[in-house]
Protein backbone atom coordinates (compact mmCIF):
# COMPACT_ATOMS: atom_id res chain seq x y z
CA MET A 1 -5.79 4.01 -32.50
CA LYS A 2 -7.00 3.15 -29.01
CA ILE A 3 -4.61 1.55 -26.61
CA ARG A 4 -6.05 -1.12 -24.35
CA LEU A 5 -4.35 -1.37 -20.95
CA SER A 6 -4.81 -4.31 -18.73
CA HIS A 7 -4.91 -4.53 -14.97
CA LYS A 8 -1.23 -5.45 -14.93
CA ASP A 9 -0.31 -2.17 -16.64
CA TYR A 10 -2.34 -0.10 -14.22
CA LEU A 11 -0.86 -1.98 -11.28
CA LEU A 12 2.70 -1.42 -12.65
CA ALA A 13 2.06 2.26 -13.11
CA LEU A 14 0.65 2.46 -9.55
CA GLY A 15 3.75 0.72 -8.19
CA ILE A 16 6.13 3.06 -10.00
CA LEU A 17 4.15 6.09 -8.68
CA VAL A 18 4.28 4.82 -5.10
CA ALA A 19 8.09 4.16 -5.44
CA VAL A 20 8.66 7.68 -6.70
CA ILE A 21 6.58 9.17 -3.80
CA VAL A 22 8.58 7.13 -1.24
CA MET A 23 11.92 8.18 -2.81
CA LEU A 24 11.04 11.85 -2.83
CA THR A 25 9.71 11.91 0.78
CA THR A 26 12.78 10.03 1.95
CA LEU A 27 15.12 12.55 0.25
CA VAL A 28 13.15 15.56 1.61
CA TYR A 29 12.88 14.38 5.17
CA THR A 30 16.46 13.19 5.56
CA GLU A 31 17.77 16.55 4.30
CA THR A 32 15.51 18.68 6.45
CA LEU A 33 15.78 16.72 9.68
CA ASN A 34 19.60 16.34 9.87
CA PRO A 35 21.39 18.75 7.59
CA GLU A 36 24.26 19.33 9.97
CA SER A 37 24.87 15.69 10.79
CA LYS A 38 26.56 14.83 7.55
CA ASN A 39 29.87 16.38 8.56
CA ASP A 40 29.71 15.53 12.28
CA ARG A 41 31.33 12.53 14.02
CA PRO A 42 29.99 9.07 13.10
CA PRO A 43 26.91 7.88 15.21
CA VAL A 44 27.62 5.76 18.13
CA PRO A 45 26.10 2.27 17.96
CA GLY A 46 23.41 1.65 20.59
CA LYS A 47 24.10 -0.79 23.41
CA THR A 48 22.04 -3.98 23.49
CA GLY A 49 22.35 -4.67 27.15
CA LEU A 50 23.86 -8.06 26.49
CA ARG A 51 27.10 -8.40 28.51
CA VAL A 52 27.77 -12.04 27.69
CA SER A 53 29.69 -12.86 24.56
CA PRO A 54 27.90 -14.95 21.85
CA SER A 55 30.44 -17.72 22.15
CA VAL A 56 29.54 -18.20 25.82
CA ILE A 57 25.87 -18.43 24.98
CA ILE A 58 26.48 -21.06 22.20
CA LYS A 59 28.67 -23.12 24.55
CA LYS A 60 25.89 -23.04 27.21
CA ILE A 61 23.22 -24.11 24.62
CA VAL A 62 25.34 -26.89 23.22
CA GLY A 63 26.25 -28.06 26.75
CA ASP A 64 22.63 -28.25 27.74
CA VAL A 65 21.37 -30.18 24.68
CA ASN A 66 21.11 -33.93 25.16
CA PHE A 67 22.25 -35.28 21.82
CA LYS A 68 21.66 -38.92 22.72
CA SER A 69 17.96 -38.31 23.16
CA LEU A 70 17.78 -36.52 19.84
CA SER A 71 19.44 -39.41 18.04
CA HIS A 72 16.99 -41.92 19.47
CA LYS A 73 13.94 -39.88 18.40
CA ASN A 74 15.07 -39.90 14.73
CA ARG A 75 15.17 -43.67 14.46
């Protein structure tokens, strides 16, 4: 009995193979690069350099938008 495989079957097998390779390399590299960092203090989030709060930015944008001109264009 001969099994006929279509292109979809080959593509599915290739996708599974790629997923396994990515999973294994991710596991290997995360364990070898930072083995001692698992029990250390939590990482410090990076600063974005933005010193203005988002609410101030939103108020500025809303204040600068001319809503009357927008309503006339939609008519």
